[in-house]
Amino acid sequence: GSMLDDKDNSVKIQALNTLKAFSG
């Protein structure tokens, strides 16, 4: 979740995908 504060949008996008995977 801390990666959502990254300056790079690609990192934010991958962090969102990872959180979705864990939400399962």
mmCIF file of all heavy atoms, coordinates in Angstrom:
data_MODEL
# 
_entry.id   MODEL 
# 
loop_
_atom_site.group_PDB 
_atom_site.id 
_atom_site.type_symbol 
_atom_site.label_atom_id 
_atom_site.label_alt_id 
_atom_site.label_comp_id 
_atom_site.label_asym_id 
_atom_site.label_entity_id 
_atom_site.label_seq_id 
_atom_site.pdbx_PDB_ins_code 
_atom_site.Cartn_x 
_atom_site.Cartn_y 
_atom_site.Cartn_z 
_atom_site.occupancy 
_atom_site.B_iso_or_equiv 
_atom_site.pdbx_formal_charge 
_atom_site.auth_seq_id 
_atom_site.auth_comp_id 
_atom_site.auth_asym_id 
_atom_site.auth_atom_id 
_atom_site.pdbx_PDB_model_num 
ATOM 1   N N   . GLY A 1 1  ? 0.806  -1.219  0.000   1.00 0.00 ? 1  GLY A N   1 
ATOM 2   C CA  . GLY A 1 1  ? 0.000  0.000   0.000   1.00 0.00 ? 1  GLY A CA  1 
ATOM 3   C C   . GLY A 1 1  ? 0.838  1.267   0.000   1.00 0.00 ? 1  GLY A C   1 
ATOM 4   O O   . GLY A 1 1  ? 0.428  2.296   -0.555  1.00 0.00 ? 1  GLY A O   1 
ATOM 5   N N   . SER A 1 2  ? 2.011  1.208   0.612   1.00 0.00 ? 2  SER A N   1 
ATOM 6   C CA  . SER A 1 2  ? 2.877  2.388   0.642   1.00 0.00 ? 2  SER A CA  1 
ATOM 7   C C   . SER A 1 2  ? 3.369  2.763   -0.750  1.00 0.00 ? 2  SER A C   1 
ATOM 8   O O   . SER A 1 2  ? 3.757  3.915   -0.993  1.00 0.00 ? 2  SER A O   1 
ATOM 9   C CB  . SER A 1 2  ? 4.070  2.135   1.571   1.00 0.00 ? 2  SER A CB  1 
ATOM 10  O OG  . SER A 1 2  ? 4.921  1.126   1.042   1.00 0.00 ? 2  SER A OG  1 
ATOM 11  N N   . MET A 1 3  ? 3.343  1.804   -1.677  1.00 0.00 ? 3  MET A N   1 
ATOM 12  C CA  . MET A 1 3  ? 3.762  2.089   -3.050  1.00 0.00 ? 3  MET A CA  1 
ATOM 13  C C   . MET A 1 3  ? 2.771  2.989   -3.783  1.00 0.00 ? 3  MET A C   1 
ATOM 14  O O   . MET A 1 3  ? 3.084  3.510   -4.853  1.00 0.00 ? 3  MET A O   1 
ATOM 15  C CB  . MET A 1 3  ? 3.932  0.778   -3.824  1.00 0.00 ? 3  MET A CB  1 
ATOM 16  C CG  . MET A 1 3  ? 5.019  -0.146  -3.310  1.00 0.00 ? 3  MET A CG  1 
ATOM 17  S SD  . MET A 1 3  ? 6.694  0.507   -3.504  1.00 0.00 ? 3  MET A SD  1 
ATOM 18  C CE  . MET A 1 3  ? 7.109  0.853   -1.781  1.00 0.00 ? 3  MET A CE  1 
ATOM 19  N N   . LEU A 1 4  ? 1.576  3.173   -3.213  1.00 0.00 ? 4  LEU A N   1 
ATOM 20  C CA  . LEU A 1 4  ? 0.602  4.079   -3.836  1.00 0.00 ? 4  LEU A CA  1 
ATOM 21  C C   . LEU A 1 4  ? 1.060  5.529   -3.756  1.00 0.00 ? 4  LEU A C   1 
ATOM 22  O O   . LEU A 1 4  ? 0.524  6.387   -4.465  1.00 0.00 ? 4  LEU A O   1 
ATOM 23  C CB  . LEU A 1 4  ? -0.767 3.934   -3.155  1.00 0.00 ? 4  LEU A CB  1 
ATOM 24  C CG  . LEU A 1 4  ? -1.454 2.573   -3.291  1.00 0.00 ? 4  LEU A CG  1 
ATOM 25  C CD1 . LEU A 1 4  ? -2.757 2.560   -2.509  1.00 0.00 ? 4  LEU A CD1 1 
ATOM 26  C CD2 . LEU A 1 4  ? -1.709 2.222   -4.755  1.00 0.00 ? 4  LEU A CD2 1 
ATOM 27  N N   . ASP A 1 5  ? 2.033  5.798   -2.888  1.00 0.00 ? 5  ASP A N   1 
ATOM 28  C CA  . ASP A 1 5  ? 2.576  7.152   -2.755  1.00 0.00 ? 5  ASP A CA  1 
ATOM 29  C C   . ASP A 1 5  ? 3.782  7.382   -3.657  1.00 0.00 ? 5  ASP A C   1 
ATOM 30  O O   . ASP A 1 5  ? 4.391  8.456   -3.616  1.00 0.00 ? 5  ASP A O   1 
ATOM 31  C CB  . ASP A 1 5  ? 2.977  7.419   -1.300  1.00 0.00 ? 5  ASP A CB  1 
ATOM 32  C CG  . ASP A 1 5  ? 1.776  7.439   -0.363  1.00 0.00 ? 5  ASP A CG  1 
ATOM 33  O OD1 . ASP A 1 5  ? 0.746  8.030   -0.742  1.00 0.00 ? 5  ASP A OD1 1 
ATOM 34  O OD2 . ASP A 1 5  ? 1.866  6.855   0.731   1.00 0.00 ? 5  ASP A OD2 1 
ATOM 35  N N   . ASP A 1 6  ? 4.130  6.385   -4.452  1.00 0.00 ? 6  ASP A N   1 
ATOM 36  C CA  . ASP A 1 6  ? 5.279  6.521   -5.345  1.00 0.00 ? 6  ASP A CA  1 
ATOM 37  C C   . ASP A 1 6  ? 5.032  7.620   -6.366  1.00 0.00 ? 6  ASP A C   1 
ATOM 38  O O   . ASP A 1 6  ? 3.891  7.875   -6.776  1.00 0.00 ? 6  ASP A O   1 
ATOM 39  C CB  . ASP A 1 6  ? 5.540  5.193   -6.047  1.00 0.00 ? 6  ASP A CB  1 
ATOM 40  C CG  . ASP A 1 6  ? 6.924  5.131   -6.661  1.00 0.00 ? 6  ASP A CG  1 
ATOM 41  O OD1 . ASP A 1 6  ? 7.096  5.656   -7.789  1.00 0.00 ? 6  ASP A OD1 1 
ATOM 42  O OD2 . ASP A 1 6  ? 7.830  4.580   -6.015  1.00 0.00 ? 6  ASP A OD2 1 
ATOM 43  N N   . LYS A 1 7  ? 6.108  8.257   -6.789  1.00 0.00 ? 7  LYS A N   1 
ATOM 44  C CA  . LYS A 1 7  ? 5.978  9.340   -7.769  1.00 0.00 ? 7  LYS A CA  1 
ATOM 45  C C   . LYS A 1 7  ? 5.662  8.825   -9.167  1.00 0.00 ? 7  LYS A C   1 
ATOM 46  O O   . LYS A 1 7  ? 5.081  9.563   -9.979  1.00 0.00 ? 7  LYS A O   1 
ATOM 47  C CB  . LYS A 1 7  ? 7.291  10.152  -7.810  1.00 0.00 ? 7  LYS A CB  1 
ATOM 48  C CG  . LYS A 1 7  ? 7.607  10.906  -6.532  1.00 0.00 ? 7  LYS A CG  1 
ATOM 49  C CD  . LYS A 1 7  ? 8.892  11.703  -6.668  1.00 0.00 ? 7  LYS A CD  1 
ATOM 50  C CE  . LYS A 1 7  ? 10.099 10.786  -6.857  1.00 0.00 ? 7  LYS A CE  1 
ATOM 51  N NZ  . LYS A 1 7  ? 11.376 11.551  -6.913  1.00 0.00 ? 7  LYS A NZ  1 
ATOM 52  N N   . ASP A 1 8  ? 6.021  7.601   -9.445  1.00 0.00 ? 8  ASP A N   1 
ATOM 53  C CA  . ASP A 1 8  ? 5.830  7.041   -10.785 1.00 0.00 ? 8  ASP A CA  1 
ATOM 54  C C   . ASP A 1 8  ? 4.454  6.379   -10.905 1.00 0.00 ? 8  ASP A C   1 
ATOM 55  O O   . ASP A 1 8  ? 4.077  5.546   -10.080 1.00 0.00 ? 8  ASP A O   1 
ATOM 56  C CB  . ASP A 1 8  ? 6.920  6.012   -11.079 1.00 0.00 ? 8  ASP A CB  1 
ATOM 57  C CG  . ASP A 1 8  ? 6.922  5.572   -12.527 1.00 0.00 ? 8  ASP A CG  1 
ATOM 58  O OD1 . ASP A 1 8  ? 7.476  6.291   -13.357 1.00 0.00 ? 8  ASP A OD1 1 
ATOM 59  O OD2 . ASP A 1 8  ? 6.355  4.503   -12.803 1.00 0.00 ? 8  ASP A OD2 1 
ATOM 60  N N   . ASN A 1 9  ? 3.716  6.736   -11.943 1.00 0.00 ? 9  ASN A N   1 
ATOM 61  C CA  . ASN A 1 9  ? 2.367  6.185   -12.113 1.00 0.00 ? 9  ASN A CA  1 
ATOM 62  C C   . ASN A 1 9  ? 2.372  4.684   -12.367 1.00 0.00 ? 9  ASN A C   1 
ATOM 63  O O   . ASN A 1 9  ? 1.454  3.965   -11.951 1.00 0.00 ? 9  ASN A O   1 
ATOM 64  C CB  . ASN A 1 9  ? 1.653  6.882   -13.280 1.00 0.00 ? 9  ASN A CB  1 
ATOM 65  C CG  . ASN A 1 9  ? 1.078  8.227   -12.880 1.00 0.00 ? 9  ASN A CG  1 
ATOM 66  O OD1 . ASN A 1 9  ? 1.067  8.579   -11.704 1.00 0.00 ? 9  ASN A OD1 1 
ATOM 67  N ND2 . ASN A 1 9  ? 0.622  8.990   -13.849 1.00 0.00 ? 9  ASN A ND2 1 
ATOM 68  N N   . SER A 1 10 ? 3.402  4.170   -13.062 1.00 0.00 ? 10 SER A N   1 
ATOM 69  C CA  . SER A 1 10 ? 3.446  2.739   -13.334 1.00 0.00 ? 10 SER A CA  1 
ATOM 70  C C   . SER A 1 10 ? 3.587  1.948   -12.037 1.00 0.00 ? 10 SER A C   1 
ATOM 71  O O   . SER A 1 10 ? 3.028  0.850   -11.908 1.00 0.00 ? 10 SER A O   1 
ATOM 72  C CB  . SER A 1 10 ? 4.598  2.411   -14.284 1.00 0.00 ? 10 SER A CB  1 
ATOM 73  O OG  . SER A 1 10 ? 5.852  2.717   -13.685 1.00 0.00 ? 10 SER A OG  1 
ATOM 74  N N   . VAL A 1 11 ? 4.308  2.483   -11.073 1.00 0.00 ? 11 VAL A N   1 
ATOM 75  C CA  . VAL A 1 11 ? 4.431  1.827   -9.770  1.00 0.00 ? 11 VAL A CA  1 
ATOM 76  C C   . VAL A 1 11 ? 3.084  1.840   -9.053  1.00 0.00 ? 11 VAL A C   1 
ATOM 77  O O   . VAL A 1 11 ? 2.666  0.839   -8.457  1.00 0.00 ? 11 VAL A O   1 
ATOM 78  C CB  . VAL A 1 11 ? 5.515  2.505   -8.914  1.00 0.00 ? 11 VAL A CB  1 
ATOM 79  C CG1 . VAL A 1 11 ? 5.581  1.876   -7.520  1.00 0.00 ? 11 VAL A CG1 1 
ATOM 80  C CG2 . VAL A 1 11 ? 6.878  2.398   -9.592  1.00 0.00 ? 11 VAL A CG2 1 
ATOM 81  N N   . LYS A 1 12 ? 2.393  2.962   -9.111  1.00 0.00 ? 12 LYS A N   1 
ATOM 82  C CA  . LYS A 1 12 ? 1.054  3.048   -8.502  1.00 0.00 ? 12 LYS A CA  1 
ATOM 83  C C   . LYS A 1 12 ? 0.109  2.009   -9.112  1.00 0.00 ? 12 LYS A C   1 
ATOM 84  O O   . LYS A 1 12 ? -0.638 1.330   -8.391  1.00 0.00 ? 12 LYS A O   1 
ATOM 85  C CB  . LYS A 1 12 ? 0.465  4.451   -8.715  1.00 0.00 ? 12 LYS A CB  1 
ATOM 86  C CG  . LYS A 1 12 ? 1.161  5.588   -7.982  1.00 0.00 ? 12 LYS A CG  1 
ATOM 87  C CD  . LYS A 1 12 ? 0.366  6.867   -8.174  1.00 0.00 ? 12 LYS A CD  1 
ATOM 88  C CE  . LYS A 1 12 ? 0.961  8.039   -7.417  1.00 0.00 ? 12 LYS A CE  1 
ATOM 89  N NZ  . LYS A 1 12 ? 2.155  8.583   -8.100  1.00 0.00 ? 12 LYS A NZ  1 
ATOM 90  N N   . ILE A 1 13 ? 0.144  1.891   -10.426 1.00 0.00 ? 13 ILE A N   1 
ATOM 91  C CA  . ILE A 1 13 ? -0.753 0.952   -11.116 1.00 0.00 ? 13 ILE A CA  1 
ATOM 92  C C   . ILE A 1 13 ? -0.459 -0.481  -10.689 1.00 0.00 ? 13 ILE A C   1 
ATOM 93  O O   . ILE A 1 13 ? -1.386 -1.257  -10.380 1.00 0.00 ? 13 ILE A O   1 
ATOM 94  C CB  . ILE A 1 13 ? -0.608 1.105   -12.642 1.00 0.00 ? 13 ILE A CB  1 
ATOM 95  C CG1 . ILE A 1 13 ? -1.152 2.464   -13.085 1.00 0.00 ? 13 ILE A CG1 1 
ATOM 96  C CG2 . ILE A 1 13 ? -1.340 -0.018  -13.377 1.00 0.00 ? 13 ILE A CG2 1 
ATOM 97  C CD1 . ILE A 1 13 ? -0.827 2.814   -14.527 1.00 0.00 ? 13 ILE A CD1 1 
ATOM 98  N N   . GLN A 1 14 ? 0.815  -0.841  -10.635 1.00 0.00 ? 14 GLN A N   1 
ATOM 99  C CA  . GLN A 1 14 ? 1.167  -2.205  -10.228 1.00 0.00 ? 14 GLN A CA  1 
ATOM 100 C C   . GLN A 1 14 ? 0.811  -2.456  -8.764  1.00 0.00 ? 14 GLN A C   1 
ATOM 101 O O   . GLN A 1 14 ? 0.402  -3.568  -8.399  1.00 0.00 ? 14 GLN A O   1 
ATOM 102 C CB  . GLN A 1 14 ? 2.663  -2.456  -10.462 1.00 0.00 ? 14 GLN A CB  1 
ATOM 103 C CG  . GLN A 1 14 ? 3.083  -2.440  -11.923 1.00 0.00 ? 14 GLN A CG  1 
ATOM 104 C CD  . GLN A 1 14 ? 2.330  -3.465  -12.751 1.00 0.00 ? 14 GLN A CD  1 
ATOM 105 O OE1 . GLN A 1 14 ? 1.924  -4.520  -12.270 1.00 0.00 ? 14 GLN A OE1 1 
ATOM 106 N NE2 . GLN A 1 14 ? 2.146  -3.154  -14.033 1.00 0.00 ? 14 GLN A NE2 1 
ATOM 107 N N   . ALA A 1 15 ? 0.949  -1.434  -7.928  1.00 0.00 ? 15 ALA A N   1 
ATOM 108 C CA  . ALA A 1 15 ? 0.564  -1.578  -6.516  1.00 0.00 ? 15 ALA A CA  1 
ATOM 109 C C   . ALA A 1 15 ? -0.944 -1.810  -6.388  1.00 0.00 ? 15 ALA A C   1 
ATOM 110 O O   . ALA A 1 15 ? -1.395 -2.617  -5.562  1.00 0.00 ? 15 ALA A O   1 
ATOM 111 C CB  . ALA A 1 15 ? 0.982  -0.339  -5.726  1.00 0.00 ? 15 ALA A CB  1 
ATOM 112 N N   . LEU A 1 16 ? -1.729 -1.117  -7.202  1.00 0.00 ? 16 LEU A N   1 
ATOM 113 C CA  . LEU A 1 16 ? -3.183 -1.324  -7.194  1.00 0.00 ? 16 LEU A CA  1 
ATOM 114 C C   . LEU A 1 16 ? -3.532 -2.746  -7.624  1.00 0.00 ? 16 LEU A C   1 
ATOM 115 O O   . LEU A 1 16 ? -4.411 -3.383  -7.027  1.00 0.00 ? 16 LEU A O   1 
ATOM 116 C CB  . LEU A 1 16 ? -3.852 -0.312  -8.131  1.00 0.00 ? 16 LEU A CB  1 
ATOM 117 C CG  . LEU A 1 16 ? -3.845 1.154   -7.674  1.00 0.00 ? 16 LEU A CG  1 
ATOM 118 C CD1 . LEU A 1 16 ? -4.245 2.077   -8.814  1.00 0.00 ? 16 LEU A CD1 1 
ATOM 119 C CD2 . LEU A 1 16 ? -4.772 1.350   -6.483  1.00 0.00 ? 16 LEU A CD2 1 
ATOM 120 N N   . ASN A 1 17 ? -2.836 -3.247  -8.639  1.00 0.00 ? 17 ASN A N   1 
ATOM 121 C CA  . ASN A 1 17 ? -3.077 -4.623  -9.082  1.00 0.00 ? 17 ASN A CA  1 
ATOM 122 C C   . ASN A 1 17 ? -2.701 -5.636  -8.003  1.00 0.00 ? 17 ASN A C   1 
ATOM 123 O O   . ASN A 1 17 ? -3.389 -6.647  -7.814  1.00 0.00 ? 17 ASN A O   1 
ATOM 124 C CB  . ASN A 1 17 ? -2.278 -4.905  -10.359 1.00 0.00 ? 17 ASN A CB  1 
ATOM 125 C CG  . ASN A 1 17 ? -2.786 -4.130  -11.557 1.00 0.00 ? 17 ASN A CG  1 
ATOM 126 O OD1 . ASN A 1 17 ? -3.954 -3.757  -11.620 1.00 0.00 ? 17 ASN A OD1 1 
ATOM 127 N ND2 . ASN A 1 17 ? -1.914 -3.865  -12.514 1.00 0.00 ? 17 ASN A ND2 1 
ATOM 128 N N   . THR A 1 18 ? -1.617 -5.357  -7.288  1.00 0.00 ? 18 THR A N   1 
ATOM 129 C CA  . THR A 1 18 ? -1.197 -6.263  -6.221  1.00 0.00 ? 18 THR A CA  1 
ATOM 130 C C   . THR A 1 18 ? -2.197 -6.257  -5.072  1.00 0.00 ? 18 THR A C   1 
ATOM 131 O O   . THR A 1 18 ? -2.530 -7.313  -4.512  1.00 0.00 ? 18 THR A O   1 
ATOM 132 C CB  . THR A 1 18 ? 0.198  -5.871  -5.702  1.00 0.00 ? 18 THR A CB  1 
ATOM 133 O OG1 . THR A 1 18 ? 1.121  -5.835  -6.798  1.00 0.00 ? 18 THR A OG1 1 
ATOM 134 C CG2 . THR A 1 18 ? 0.698  -6.874  -4.671  1.00 0.00 ? 18 THR A CG2 1 
ATOM 135 N N   . LEU A 1 19 ? -2.692 -5.087  -4.708  1.00 0.00 ? 19 LEU A N   1 
ATOM 136 C CA  . LEU A 1 19 ? -3.698 -5.005  -3.645  1.00 0.00 ? 19 LEU A CA  1 
ATOM 137 C C   . LEU A 1 19 ? -4.971 -5.740  -4.044  1.00 0.00 ? 19 LEU A C   1 
ATOM 138 O O   . LEU A 1 19 ? -5.605 -6.391  -3.207  1.00 0.00 ? 19 LEU A O   1 
ATOM 139 C CB  . LEU A 1 19 ? -4.007 -3.540  -3.325  1.00 0.00 ? 19 LEU A CB  1 
ATOM 140 C CG  . LEU A 1 19 ? -2.915 -2.766  -2.585  1.00 0.00 ? 19 LEU A CG  1 
ATOM 141 C CD1 . LEU A 1 19 ? -3.300 -1.289  -2.466  1.00 0.00 ? 19 LEU A CD1 1 
ATOM 142 C CD2 . LEU A 1 19 ? -2.692 -3.357  -1.184  1.00 0.00 ? 19 LEU A CD2 1 
ATOM 143 N N   . LYS A 1 20 ? -5.340 -5.643  -5.308  1.00 0.00 ? 20 LYS A N   1 
ATOM 144 C CA  . LYS A 1 20 ? -6.521 -6.387  -5.771  1.00 0.00 ? 20 LYS A CA  1 
ATOM 145 C C   . LYS A 1 20 ? -6.298 -7.887  -5.632  1.00 0.00 ? 20 LYS A C   1 
ATOM 146 O O   . LYS A 1 20 ? -7.203 -8.630  -5.243  1.00 0.00 ? 20 LYS A O   1 
ATOM 147 C CB  . LYS A 1 20 ? -6.844 -6.039  -7.212  1.00 0.00 ? 20 LYS A CB  1 
ATOM 148 C CG  . LYS A 1 20 ? -8.075 -6.777  -7.747  1.00 0.00 ? 20 LYS A CG  1 
ATOM 149 C CD  . LYS A 1 20 ? -8.355 -6.427  -9.186  1.00 0.00 ? 20 LYS A CD  1 
ATOM 150 C CE  . LYS A 1 20 ? -9.591 -7.180  -9.687  1.00 0.00 ? 20 LYS A CE  1 
ATOM 151 N NZ  . LYS A 1 20 ? -9.379 -8.634  -9.717  1.00 0.00 ? 20 LYS A NZ  1 
ATOM 152 N N   . ALA A 1 21 ? -5.089 -8.340  -5.945  1.00 0.00 ? 21 ALA A N   1 
ATOM 153 C CA  . ALA A 1 21 ? -4.784 -9.767  -5.800  1.00 0.00 ? 21 ALA A CA  1 
ATOM 154 C C   . ALA A 1 21 ? -4.901 -10.202 -4.341  1.00 0.00 ? 21 ALA A C   1 
ATOM 155 O O   . ALA A 1 21 ? -5.495 -11.234 -4.028  1.00 0.00 ? 21 ALA A O   1 
ATOM 156 C CB  . ALA A 1 21 ? -3.376 -10.054 -6.332  1.00 0.00 ? 21 ALA A CB  1 
ATOM 157 N N   . PHE A 1 22 ? -4.370 -9.397  -3.426  1.00 0.00 ? 22 PHE A N   1 
ATOM 158 C CA  . PHE A 1 22 ? -4.456 -9.724  -1.998  1.00 0.00 ? 22 PHE A CA  1 
ATOM 159 C C   . PHE A 1 22 ? -5.893 -9.620  -1.476  1.00 0.00 ? 22 PHE A C   1 
ATOM 160 O O   . PHE A 1 22 ? -6.255 -10.308 -0.517  1.00 0.00 ? 22 PHE A O   1 
ATOM 161 C CB  . PHE A 1 22 ? -3.550 -8.799  -1.184  1.00 0.00 ? 22 PHE A CB  1 
ATOM 162 C CG  . PHE A 1 22 ? -2.125 -9.275  -1.080  1.00 0.00 ? 22 PHE A CG  1 
ATOM 163 C CD1 . PHE A 1 22 ? -1.090 -8.547  -1.651  1.00 0.00 ? 22 PHE A CD1 1 
ATOM 164 C CD2 . PHE A 1 22 ? -1.821 -10.453 -0.404  1.00 0.00 ? 22 PHE A CD2 1 
ATOM 165 C CE1 . PHE A 1 22 ? 0.220  -8.980  -1.555  1.00 0.00 ? 22 PHE A CE1 1 
ATOM 166 C CE2 . PHE A 1 22 ? -0.508 -10.898 -0.309  1.00 0.00 ? 22 PHE A CE2 1 
ATOM 167 C CZ  . PHE A 1 22 ? 0.520  -10.159 -0.882  1.00 0.00 ? 22 PHE A CZ  1 
ATOM 168 N N   . SER A 1 23 ? -6.708 -8.777  -2.097  1.00 0.00 ? 23 SER A N   1 
ATOM 169 C CA  . SER A 1 23 ? -8.095 -8.629  -1.629  1.00 0.00 ? 23 SER A CA  1 
ATOM 170 C C   . SER A 1 23 ? -8.911 -9.893  -1.852  1.00 0.00 ? 23 SER A C   1 
ATOM 171 O O   . SER A 1 23 ? -9.991 -10.053 -1.276  1.00 0.00 ? 23 SER A O   1 
ATOM 172 C CB  . SER A 1 23 ? -8.769 -7.446  -2.333  1.00 0.00 ? 23 SER A CB  1 
ATOM 173 O OG  . SER A 1 23 ? -8.993 -7.728  -3.710  1.00 0.00 ? 23 SER A OG  1 
ATOM 174 N N   . GLY A 1 24 ? -8.416 -10.790 -2.687  1.00 0.00 ? 24 GLY A N   1 
ATOM 175 C CA  . GLY A 1 24 ? -9.100 -12.061 -2.896  1.00 0.00 ? 24 GLY A CA  1 
ATOM 176 C C   . GLY A 1 24 ? -8.904 -13.044 -1.761  1.00 0.00 ? 24 GLY A C   1 
ATOM 177 O O   . GLY A 1 24 ? -9.544 -14.097 -1.720  1.00 0.00 ? 24 GLY A O   1 
# 
